[in-house]
Amino acid sequence: MSLLRLFNPFAENTRLFDMMLDKLGMRARIAARADAAGVMRRASNRCLTCAEPGACAKWLQERETAGEAPSYCRNHDLFERLKNEISDDIRRAA
């Protein structure tokens, strides 16, 4: 267990959440939403209660980018919905 996690487990989960947003390319997509603050707050709160931070950290270290969050991710469904919204937006623009 890292020293950071020992003294502040929430800081570590917040760091993992930020990394997941970047690996999945979701940061800009969430920021573009009218309800961005609420979405980020709810998503980060789900991450704070994650039971798999060690597995998440390992998963994130093994990838430069990813098309999908791991199945155990508490935000997996959110990320999939956002990905579908992006696909829908691209189809409508074409």
Protein backbone atom coordinates (compact mmCIF):
# COMPACT_ATOMS: atom_id res chain seq x y z
CA MET A 1 0.00 0.00 0.00
CA SER A 2 1.33 3.40 -0.92
CA LEU A 3 2.05 5.99 1.75
CA LEU A 4 -0.45 8.34 0.09
CA ARG A 5 -3.20 5.70 0.28
CA LEU A 6 -2.39 5.00 3.92
CA PHE A 7 -2.82 8.63 4.97
CA ASN A 8 -5.46 9.75 2.48
CA PRO A 9 -7.27 7.01 0.58
CA PHE A 10 -9.58 9.58 -1.02
CA ALA A 11 -6.64 11.37 -2.66
CA GLU A 12 -5.54 8.13 -4.30
CA ASN A 13 -9.03 7.36 -5.62
CA THR A 14 -9.30 10.92 -6.93
CA ARG A 15 -5.98 10.48 -8.74
CA LEU A 16 -7.21 7.21 -10.26
CA PHE A 17 -10.45 8.87 -11.36
CA ASP A 18 -8.50 11.63 -13.11
CA MET A 19 -6.30 9.07 -14.83
CA MET A 20 -9.35 7.07 -15.97
CA LEU A 21 -10.92 10.17 -17.50
CA ASP A 22 -7.77 10.77 -19.51
CA LYS A 23 -7.22 7.13 -20.55
CA LEU A 24 -10.78 6.93 -21.85
CA GLY A 25 -10.74 10.41 -23.38
CA MET A 26 -13.82 11.39 -21.38
CA ARG A 27 -12.67 14.58 -19.67
CA ALA A 28 -13.64 16.91 -22.53
CA ARG A 29 -16.88 15.03 -23.15
CA ILE A 30 -18.02 15.48 -19.57
CA ALA A 31 -16.85 19.11 -19.49
CA ALA A 32 -18.97 19.85 -22.59
CA ARG A 33 -22.18 18.79 -20.85
CA ALA A 34 -24.54 21.38 -19.40
CA ASP A 35 -24.63 19.33 -16.20
CA ALA A 36 -20.85 18.78 -16.09
CA ALA A 37 -20.37 19.74 -12.45
CA GLY A 38 -23.04 17.34 -11.26
CA VAL A 39 -21.83 14.52 -13.48
CA MET A 40 -18.25 14.96 -12.26
CA ARG A 41 -19.34 15.14 -8.63
CA ARG A 42 -21.43 11.96 -8.84
CA ALA A 43 -18.76 10.09 -10.83
CA SER A 44 -15.95 11.08 -8.49
CA ASN A 45 -18.10 10.11 -5.48
CA ARG A 46 -18.67 6.66 -7.00
CA CYS A 47 -14.92 6.35 -7.48
CA LEU A 48 -14.27 7.30 -3.85
CA THR A 49 -16.24 4.25 -2.73
CA CYS A 50 -14.49 1.85 -5.12
CA ALA A 51 -13.50 -1.49 -3.63
CA GLU A 52 -10.85 -2.12 -6.31
CA PRO A 53 -8.35 0.79 -6.24
CA GLY A 54 -5.36 -1.56 -6.48
CA ALA A 55 -6.77 -3.34 -9.53
CA CYS A 56 -7.68 0.03 -11.04
CA ALA A 57 -4.17 1.41 -10.55
CA LYS A 58 -2.68 -1.69 -12.19
CA TRP A 59 -5.16 -1.51 -15.07
CA LEU A 60 -4.38 2.17 -15.66
CA GLN A 61 -0.61 1.58 -15.58
CA GLU A 62 -0.87 -1.11 -18.24
CA ARG A 63 -2.56 1.15 -20.84
CA GLU A 64 -1.82 4.36 -22.71
CA THR A 65 -5.46 4.67 -23.78
CA ALA A 66 -8.51 2.45 -23.51
CA GLY A 67 -11.80 2.08 -25.29
CA GLU A 68 -13.68 0.92 -22.23
CA ALA A 69 -13.31 1.03 -18.46
CA PRO A 70 -12.86 -2.29 -16.66
CA SER A 71 -16.07 -4.09 -15.79
CA TYR A 72 -15.57 -3.54 -12.04
CA CYS A 73 -15.34 0.25 -12.49
CA ARG A 74 -18.18 1.96 -10.65
CA ASN A 75 -18.35 4.48 -13.53
CA HIS A 76 -18.28 1.91 -16.33
CA ASP A 77 -21.91 2.51 -17.32
CA LEU A 78 -21.48 6.29 -17.26
CA PHE A 79 -18.48 6.08 -19.57
CA GLU A 80 -20.36 3.75 -21.92
CA ARG A 81 -23.34 6.15 -22.07
CA LEU A 82 -21.01 9.05 -22.86
CA LYS A 83 -19.28 6.99 -25.54
CA ASN A 84 -22.68 6.23 -27.10
CA GLU A 85 -23.59 9.92 -27.01
CA ILE A 86 -20.39 10.71 -28.89
CA SER A 87 -21.21 8.07 -31.51
CA ASP A 88 -24.73 9.46 -31.86
CA ASP A 89 -23.38 13.01 -32.26
CA ILE A 90 -20.97 11.84 -35.00
CA ARG A 91 -23.77 10.02 -36.87
CA ARG A 92 -26.03 13.08 -36.69
CA ALA A 93 -23.25 15.34 -37.99
CA ALA A 94 -22.54 13.06 -40.97
